[in-house]
Amino acid sequence: MEQFPRQPKNENGWVISTEFLREISDVLNRQSHEGNLSDAEPSLEQIEMVLMALEEVQS
C-alpha cells in the first residue's frame, strides 16, 4: 500500500518523490541543528529505504 507520494514514472530510479524526500531531509537537518537528533544526516536513499520498509510493515 502506497502511503507516500511517488516519483513520476520512477524517474531516475526513485520510487518515492524526491521532493518529499528532500522535505523530510530538511526536517531532519533542522532537528539535528536544534539538538534533537544526532549529527548523522541520512542520505535521500536511506530515507527512501526506511519509508519503503515502513509501507511494507504497515500493509
Protein backbone atom coordinates (compact mmCIF):
# COMPACT_ATOMS: atom_id res chain seq x y z
CA MET A 1 0.00 0.00 0.00
CA GLU A 2 1.46 3.34 -1.04
CA GLN A 3 1.48 5.81 1.84
CA PHE A 4 3.95 8.31 0.47
CA PRO A 5 3.96 10.36 -2.76
CA ARG A 6 5.59 8.66 -5.70
CA GLN A 7 8.15 9.91 -8.16
CA PRO A 8 6.53 10.23 -11.60
CA LYS A 9 7.42 7.19 -13.75
CA ASN A 10 10.16 6.12 -11.28
CA GLU A 11 12.22 8.99 -12.67
CA ASN A 12 15.98 8.45 -12.25
CA GLY A 13 15.35 5.24 -10.30
CA TRP A 14 13.48 6.89 -7.45
CA VAL A 15 10.26 5.34 -6.15
CA ILE A 16 9.22 7.95 -3.58
CA SER A 17 9.00 11.59 -4.67
CA THR A 18 12.39 13.28 -4.36
CA GLU A 19 10.62 16.50 -3.41
CA PHE A 20 9.00 14.67 -0.48
CA LEU A 21 12.33 13.06 0.47
CA ARG A 22 14.00 16.48 0.48
CA GLU A 23 11.26 17.84 2.75
CA ILE A 24 11.95 15.04 5.22
CA SER A 25 15.69 15.63 4.93
CA ASP A 26 15.19 19.33 5.69
CA VAL A 27 13.18 18.48 8.82
CA LEU A 28 15.84 16.01 9.99
CA ASN A 29 18.60 18.57 9.38
CA ARG A 30 16.69 21.22 11.32
CA GLN A 31 16.06 18.84 14.22
CA SER A 32 19.72 17.88 14.21
CA HIS A 33 20.79 21.53 14.46
CA GLU A 34 18.31 22.07 17.30
CA GLY A 35 19.98 19.23 19.21
CA ASN A 36 17.01 16.87 18.95
CA LEU A 37 18.81 14.28 16.79
CA SER A 38 22.32 13.02 16.28
CA ASP A 39 24.66 14.82 13.93
CA ALA A 40 24.42 12.00 11.37
CA GLU A 41 22.43 13.15 8.37
CA PRO A 42 20.81 10.31 6.39
CA SER A 43 21.01 10.40 2.62
CA LEU A 44 17.89 10.61 0.44
CA GLU A 45 18.47 6.94 -0.43
CA GLN A 46 18.46 5.97 3.24
CA ILE A 47 15.30 7.97 3.90
CA GLU A 48 13.60 6.30 0.93
CA MET A 49 14.63 2.83 2.14
CA VAL A 50 13.12 3.46 5.58
CA LEU A 51 9.87 4.84 4.15
CA MET A 52 9.51 1.89 1.77
CA ALA A 53 10.12 -0.55 4.62
CA LEU A 54 7.55 1.30 6.74
CA GLU A 55 4.97 0.93 3.96
CA GLU A 56 5.66 -2.79 3.79
CA VAL A 57 5.43 -3.30 7.55
CA GLN A 58 2.19 -1.34 7.80
CA SER A 59 0.47 -3.04 4.87
